PDB file of N, CA and C in Angstrom:
ATOM      1  N   UNK A   1       0.825  -1.205   0.000  1.00  0.00           N
ATOM      2  CA  UNK A   1       0.000   0.000   0.000  1.00  0.00           C
ATOM      3  C   UNK A   1       0.860   1.256   0.000  1.00  0.00           C
ATOM      4  N   UNK A   2       1.982   1.229   0.744  1.00  0.00           N
ATOM      5  CA  UNK A   2       2.851   2.396   0.783  1.00  0.00           C
ATOM      6  C   UNK A   2       3.380   2.745  -0.601  1.00  0.00           C
ATOM      7  N   UNK A   3       3.665   1.719  -1.400  1.00  0.00           N
ATOM      8  CA  UNK A   3       4.164   1.958  -2.755  1.00  0.00           C
ATOM      9  C   UNK A   3       3.123   2.691  -3.586  1.00  0.00           C
ATOM     10  N   UNK A   4       1.862   2.265  -3.498  1.00  0.00           N
ATOM     11  CA  UNK A   4       0.800   2.930  -4.252  1.00  0.00           C
ATOM     12  C   UNK A   4       0.650   4.387  -3.824  1.00  0.00           C
ATOM     13  N   UNK A   5       0.721   4.633  -2.546  1.00  0.00           N
ATOM     14  CA  UNK A   5       0.612   6.007  -2.043  1.00  0.00           C
ATOM     15  C   UNK A   5       1.781   6.837  -2.563  1.00  0.00           C
ATOM     16  N   UNK A   6       2.983   6.258  -2.521  1.00  0.00           N
ATOM     17  CA  UNK A   6       4.175   6.965  -2.998  1.00  0.00           C
ATOM     18  C   UNK A   6       4.020   7.354  -4.467  1.00  0.00           C
ATOM     19  N   UNK A   7       3.651   6.394  -5.309  1.00  0.00           N
ATOM     20  CA  UNK A   7       3.505   6.692  -6.732  1.00  0.00           C
ATOM     21  C   UNK A   7       2.346   7.648  -6.989  1.00  0.00           C
ATOM     22  N   UNK A   8       1.291   7.515  -6.235  1.00  0.00           N
ATOM     23  CA  UNK A   8       0.175   8.446  -6.372  1.00  0.00           C
ATOM     24  C   UNK A   8       0.599   9.865  -6.058  1.00  0.00           C
ATOM     25  N   UNK A   9       1.436  10.016  -5.038  1.00  0.00           N
ATOM     26  CA  UNK A   9       1.935  11.346  -4.684  1.00  0.00           C
ATOM     27  C   UNK A   9       2.850  11.893  -5.775  1.00  0.00           C
ATOM     28  N   UNK A  10       3.664  11.012  -6.372  1.00  0.00           N
ATOM     29  CA  UNK A  10       4.547  11.436  -7.462  1.00  0.00           C
ATOM     30  C   UNK A  10       3.743  11.918  -8.666  1.00  0.00           C
ATOM     31  N   UNK A  11       2.684  11.185  -9.006  1.00  0.00           N
ATOM     32  CA  UNK A  11       1.830  11.567 -10.136  1.00  0.00           C
ATOM     33  C   UNK A  11       1.136  12.902  -9.841  1.00  0.00           C
ATOM     34  N   UNK A  12       0.640  13.063  -8.636  1.00  0.00           N
ATOM     35  CA  UNK A  12      -0.003  14.315  -8.249  1.00  0.00           C
ATOM     36  C   UNK A  12       0.972  15.490  -8.359  1.00  0.00           C
ATOM     37  N   UNK A  13       2.212  15.264  -7.939  1.00  0.00           N
ATOM     38  CA  UNK A  13       3.252  16.299  -8.027  1.00  0.00           C
ATOM     39  C   UNK A  13       3.501  16.693  -9.486  1.00  0.00           C
ATOM     40  N   UNK A  14       3.512  15.690 -10.376  1.00  0.00           N
ATOM     41  CA  UNK A  14       3.722  15.985 -11.796  1.00  0.00           C
ATOM     42  C   UNK A  14       2.542  16.760 -12.381  1.00  0.00           C
ATOM     43  N   UNK A  15       1.309  16.392 -12.005  1.00  0.00           N
ATOM     44  CA  UNK A  15       0.131  17.131 -12.481  1.00  0.00           C
ATOM     45  C   UNK A  15       0.179  18.579 -12.010  1.00  0.00           C
ATOM     46  N   UNK A  16       0.551  18.786 -10.753  1.00  0.00           N
ATOM     47  CA  UNK A  16       0.647  20.149 -10.221  1.00  0.00           C
ATOM     48  C   UNK A  16       1.723  20.942 -10.965  1.00  0.00           C
ATOM     49  N   UNK A  17       2.852  20.293 -11.235  1.00  0.00           N
ATOM     50  CA  UNK A  17       3.928  20.948 -11.971  1.00  0.00           C
ATOM     51  C   UNK A  17       3.466  21.300 -13.380  1.00  0.00           C
ATOM     52  N   UNK A  18       2.730  20.396 -14.018  1.00  0.00           N
ATOM     53  CA  UNK A  18       2.220  20.662 -15.367  1.00  0.00           C
ATOM     54  C   UNK A  18       1.285  21.870 -15.353  1.00  0.00           C
ATOM     55  N   UNK A  19       0.400  21.926 -14.356  1.00  0.00           N
ATOM     56  CA  UNK A  19      -0.525  23.060 -14.254  1.00  0.00           C
ATOM     57  C   UNK A  19       0.220  24.373 -14.074  1.00  0.00           C
ATOM     58  N   UNK A  20       1.353  24.344 -13.372  1.00  0.00           N
ATOM     59  CA  UNK A  20       2.142  25.547 -13.116  1.00  0.00           C
ATOM     60  C   UNK A  20       3.109  25.868 -14.259  1.00  0.00           C
ATOM     61  N   UNK A  21       3.217  24.956 -15.227  1.00  0.00           N
ATOM     62  CA  UNK A  21       4.156  25.157 -16.333  1.00  0.00           C
ATOM     63  C   UNK A  21       5.596  24.862 -15.947  1.00  0.00           C
ATOM     64  N   UNK A  22       5.797  24.078 -14.891  1.00  0.00           N
ATOM     65  CA  UNK A  22       7.128  23.740 -14.391  1.00  0.00           C
ATOM     66  C   UNK A  22       7.682  22.537 -15.156  1.00  0.00           C
ATOM     67  N   UNK A  23       8.269  22.805 -16.309  1.00  0.00           N
ATOM     68  CA  UNK A  23       8.744  21.764 -17.210  1.00  0.00           C
ATOM     69  C   UNK A  23       9.839  20.898 -16.581  1.00  0.00           C
ATOM     70  N   UNK A  24      10.848  21.471 -15.910  1.00  0.00           N
ATOM     71  CA  UNK A  24      11.887  20.607 -15.328  1.00  0.00           C
ATOM     72  C   UNK A  24      11.332  19.569 -14.347  1.00  0.00           C
ATOM     73  N   UNK A  25      10.341  19.941 -13.545  1.00  0.00           N
ATOM     74  CA  UNK A  25       9.761  18.979 -12.603  1.00  0.00           C
ATOM     75  C   UNK A  25       9.002  17.887 -13.342  1.00  0.00           C
ATOM     76  N   UNK A  26       8.263  18.254 -14.379  1.00  0.00           N
ATOM     77  CA  UNK A  26       7.545  17.250 -15.167  1.00  0.00           C
ATOM     78  C   UNK A  26       8.541  16.269 -15.783  1.00  0.00           C
ATOM     79  N   UNK A  27       9.586  16.783 -16.411  1.00  0.00           N
ATOM     80  CA  UNK A  27      10.571  15.922 -17.059  1.00  0.00           C
ATOM     81  C   UNK A  27      11.296  15.036 -16.059  1.00  0.00           C
ATOM     82  N   UNK A  28      11.571  15.562 -14.870  1.00  0.00           N
ATOM     83  CA  UNK A  28      12.293  14.760 -13.875  1.00  0.00           C
ATOM     84  C   UNK A  28      11.462  13.587 -13.364  1.00  0.00           C
ATOM     85  N   UNK A  29      10.147  13.658 -13.516  1.00  0.00           N
ATOM     86  CA  UNK A  29       9.284  12.576 -13.063  1.00  0.00           C
ATOM     87  C   UNK A  29       9.062  11.496 -14.094  1.00  0.00           C
ATOM     88  N   UNK A  30       9.550  11.695 -15.306  1.00  0.00           N
ATOM     89  CA  UNK A  30       9.359  10.708 -16.374  1.00  0.00           C
ATOM     90  C   UNK A  30      10.443   9.643 -16.338  1.00  0.00           C
ATOM     91  N   UNK A  31      10.075   8.456 -16.744  1.00  0.00           N
ATOM     92  CA  UNK A  31      11.032   7.361 -16.847  1.00  0.00           C
ATOM     93  C   UNK A  31      12.034   7.650 -17.961  1.00  0.00           C
ATOM     94  N   UNK A  32      13.244   7.091 -17.825  1.00  0.00           N
ATOM     95  CA  UNK A  32      14.265   7.305 -18.863  1.00  0.00           C
ATOM     96  C   UNK A  32      13.864   6.689 -20.197  1.00  0.00           C
ATOM     97  N   UNK A  33      12.969   5.712 -20.191  1.00  0.00           N
ATOM     98  CA  UNK A  33      12.578   5.064 -21.444  1.00  0.00           C
ATOM     99  C   UNK A  33      11.146   5.432 -21.860  1.00  0.00           C
ATOM    100  N   UNK A  34      10.689   6.607 -21.458  1.00  0.00           N
ATOM    101  CA  UNK A  34       9.347   7.064 -21.799  1.00  0.00           C
ATOM    102  C   UNK A  34       9.221   7.278 -23.310  1.00  0.00           C
ATOM    103  N   UNK A  35       8.044   6.992 -23.821  1.00  0.00           N
ATOM    104  CA  UNK A  35       7.709   7.303 -25.213  1.00  0.00           C
ATOM    105  C   UNK A  35       6.492   8.202 -25.161  1.00  0.00           C
ATOM    106  N   UNK A  36       6.609   9.387 -25.737  1.00  0.00           N
ATOM    107  CA  UNK A  36       5.583  10.402 -25.650  1.00  0.00           C
ATOM    108  C   UNK A  36       5.112  10.729 -27.062  1.00  0.00           C
ATOM    109  N   UNK A  37       3.837  10.559 -27.328  1.00  0.00           N
ATOM    110  CA  UNK A  37       3.305  10.845 -28.662  1.00  0.00           C
ATOM    111  C   UNK A  37       2.404  12.068 -28.586  1.00  0.00           C
ATOM    112  N   UNK A  38       2.753  13.074 -29.376  1.00  0.00           N
ATOM    113  CA  UNK A  38       1.948  14.295 -29.473  1.00  0.00           C
ATOM    114  C   UNK A  38       1.240  14.237 -30.827  1.00  0.00           C
ATOM    115  N   UNK A  39      -0.084  14.124 -30.776  1.00  0.00           N
ATOM    116  CA  UNK A  39      -0.865  13.995 -32.003  1.00  0.00           C
ATOM    117  C   UNK A  39      -0.957  15.333 -32.728  1.00  0.00           C
ATOM    118  N   UNK A  40      -1.000  15.275 -34.041  1.00  0.00           N
ATOM    119  CA  UNK A  40      -1.157  16.487 -34.830  1.00  0.00           C
ATOM    120  C   UNK A  40      -0.873  16.220 -36.295  1.00  0.00           C
ATOM    121  N   UNK A  41      -1.295  17.146 -37.104  1.00  0.00           N
ATOM    122  CA  UNK A  41      -1.046  17.072 -38.546  1.00  0.00           C
ATOM    123  C   UNK A  41       0.453  17.198 -38.814  1.00  0.00           C
ATOM    124  N   UNK A  42       0.918  16.739 -39.974  1.00  0.00           N
ATOM    125  CA  UNK A  42       2.352  16.814 -40.282  1.00  0.00           C
ATOM    126  C   UNK A  42       2.933  18.233 -40.221  1.00  0.00           C
ATOM    127  N   UNK A  43       2.093  19.243 -40.422  1.00  0.00           N
ATOM    128  CA  UNK A  43       2.609  20.614 -40.391  1.00  0.00           C
ATOM    129  C   UNK A  43       2.706  21.193 -38.975  1.00  0.00           C
ATOM    130  N   UNK A  44       2.295  20.423 -37.966  1.00  0.00           N
ATOM    131  CA  UNK A  44       2.431  20.862 -36.580  1.00  0.00           C
ATOM    132  C   UNK A  44       3.852  20.505 -36.133  1.00  0.00           C
ATOM    133  N   UNK A  45       4.689  21.518 -35.860  1.00  0.00           N
ATOM    134  CA  UNK A  45       6.113  21.248 -35.624  1.00  0.00           C
ATOM    135  C   UNK A  45       6.423  20.426 -34.385  1.00  0.00           C
ATOM    136  N   UNK A  46       5.551  20.406 -33.393  1.00  0.00           N
ATOM    137  CA  UNK A  46       5.848  19.648 -32.184  1.00  0.00           C
ATOM    138  C   UNK A  46       5.093  18.331 -32.118  1.00  0.00           C
ATOM    139  N   UNK A  47       4.403  17.953 -33.194  1.00  0.00           N
ATOM    140  CA  UNK A  47       3.709  16.669 -33.243  1.00  0.00           C
ATOM    141  C   UNK A  47       4.719  15.573 -33.575  1.00  0.00           C
ATOM    142  N   UNK A  48       4.456  14.401 -33.058  1.00  0.00           N
ATOM    143  CA  UNK A  48       5.306  13.266 -33.364  1.00  0.00           C
ATOM    144  C   UNK A  48       5.595  12.435 -32.126  1.00  0.00           C
ATOM    145  N   UNK A  49       6.540  11.526 -32.259  1.00  0.00           N
ATOM    146  CA  UNK A  49       6.908  10.641 -31.171  1.00  0.00           C
ATOM    147  C   UNK A  49       8.247  11.098 -30.604  1.00  0.00           C
ATOM    148  N   UNK A  50       8.272  11.287 -29.303  1.00  0.00           N
ATOM    149  CA  UNK A  50       9.467  11.746 -28.610  1.00  0.00           C
ATOM    150  C   UNK A  50       9.838  10.650 -27.616  1.00  0.00           C
ATOM    151  N   UNK A  51      11.108  10.292 -27.574  1.00  0.00           N
ATOM    152  CA  UNK A  51      11.549   9.274 -26.625  1.00  0.00           C
ATOM    153  C   UNK A  51      12.505   9.892 -25.621  1.00  0.00           C
ATOM    154  N   UNK A  52      12.366   9.478 -24.391  1.00  0.00           N
ATOM    155  CA  UNK A  52      13.222   9.898 -23.274  1.00  0.00           C
ATOM    156  C   UNK A  52      13.021  11.370 -22.917  1.00  0.00           C
ATOM    157  N   UNK A  53      13.032  11.674 -21.637  1.00  0.00           N
ATOM    158  CA  UNK A  53      12.872  13.061 -21.190  1.00  0.00           C
ATOM    159  C   UNK A  53      14.186  13.830 -21.302  1.00  0.00           C
ATOM    160  N   UNK A  54      14.490  14.268 -22.500  1.00  0.00           N
ATOM    161  CA  UNK A  54      15.742  14.985 -22.754  1.00  0.00           C
ATOM    162  C   UNK A  54      15.435  16.441 -23.073  1.00  0.00           C
ATOM    163  N   UNK A  55      16.465  17.181 -23.397  1.00  0.00           N
ATOM    164  CA  UNK A  55      16.279  18.589 -23.767  1.00  0.00           C
ATOM    165  C   UNK A  55      15.357  18.716 -24.974  1.00  0.00           C
ATOM    166  N   UNK A  56      15.361  17.726 -25.860  1.00  0.00           N
ATOM    167  CA  UNK A  56      14.491  17.791 -27.041  1.00  0.00           C
ATOM    168  C   UNK A  56      13.019  17.690 -26.666  1.00  0.00           C
ATOM    169  N   UNK A  57      12.735  17.179 -25.475  1.00  0.00           N
ATOM    170  CA  UNK A  57      11.354  17.080 -24.998  1.00  0.00           C
ATOM    171  C   UNK A  57      10.840  18.431 -24.520  1.00  0.00           C
ATOM    172  N   UNK A  58      11.731  19.281 -24.099  1.00  0.00           N
ATOM    173  CA  UNK A  58      11.367  20.572 -23.525  1.00  0.00           C
ATOM    174  C   UNK A  58      10.531  21.415 -24.487  1.00  0.00           C
ATOM    175  N   UNK A  59      10.963  21.518 -25.751  1.00  0.00           N
ATOM    176  CA  UNK A  59      10.278  22.386 -26.705  1.00  0.00           C
ATOM    177  C   UNK A  59       8.837  21.925 -26.971  1.00  0.00           C
ATOM    178  N   UNK A  60       8.611  20.627 -27.277  1.00  0.00           N
ATOM    179  CA  UNK A  60       7.215  20.204 -27.478  1.00  0.00           C
ATOM    180  C   UNK A  60       6.355  20.401 -26.234  1.00  0.00           C
ATOM    181  N   UNK A  61       6.928  20.156 -25.073  1.00  0.00           N
ATOM    182  CA  UNK A  61       6.160  20.331 -23.846  1.00  0.00           C
ATOM    183  C   UNK A  61       5.785  21.796 -23.646  1.00  0.00           C
ATOM    184  N   UNK A  62       6.695  22.699 -23.965  1.00  0.00           N
ATOM    185  CA  UNK A  62       6.382  24.128 -23.866  1.00  0.00           C
ATOM    186  C   UNK A  62       5.236  24.481 -24.811  1.00  0.00           C
ATOM    187  N   UNK A  63       5.230  23.919 -25.997  1.00  0.00           N
ATOM    188  CA  UNK A  63       4.153  24.194 -26.956  1.00  0.00           C
ATOM    189  C   UNK A  63       2.816  23.645 -26.476  1.00  0.00           C
ATOM    190  N   UNK A  64       2.842  22.442 -25.889  1.00  0.00           N
ATOM    191  CA  UNK A  64       1.615  21.850 -25.368  1.00  0.00           C
ATOM    192  C   UNK A  64       1.081  22.726 -24.240  1.00  0.00           C
ATOM    193  N   UNK A  65       1.941  23.164 -23.343  1.00  0.00           N
ATOM    194  CA  UNK A  65       1.537  24.020 -22.251  1.00  0.00           C
ATOM    195  C   UNK A  65       1.001  25.356 -22.762  1.00  0.00           C
ATOM    196  N   UNK A  66       1.639  25.920 -23.759  1.00  0.00           N
ATOM    197  CA  UNK A  66       1.199  27.202 -24.318  1.00  0.00           C
ATOM    198  C   UNK A  66      -0.172  27.064 -24.978  1.00  0.00           C
ATOM    199  N   UNK A  67      -0.445  25.905 -25.559  1.00  0.00           N
ATOM    200  CA  UNK A  67      -1.725  25.684 -26.249  1.00  0.00           C
ATOM    201  C   UNK A  67      -2.908  25.577 -25.322  1.00  0.00           C
ATOM    202  N   UNK A  68      -2.683  25.364 -24.048  1.00  0.00           N
ATOM    203  CA  UNK A  68      -3.809  25.228 -23.118  1.00  0.00           C
ATOM    204  C   UNK A  68      -4.231  26.552 -22.520  1.00  0.00           C
ATOM    205  N   UNK A  69      -3.535  27.640 -22.849  1.00  0.00           N
ATOM    206  CA  UNK A  69      -3.888  28.950 -22.289  1.00  0.00           C
ATOM    207  C   UNK A  69      -4.863  29.679 -23.161  1.00  0.00           C
TER     208      UNK A  69
END
């Protein structure tokens, strides 16, 4: 049960960071082998499949965050 609570708290922390636009905290909570797919037409520059939470993930995440405002 403690493990579930721990992971639940980690997920909640990431959601809060996402709401605040805190990209480094969101990225730090992702697994090293994460695969992230951003849907969109071919002309959408941040659409596509991104692997691993690296610096290249920062730009698409900023665009996703900007699109929700």
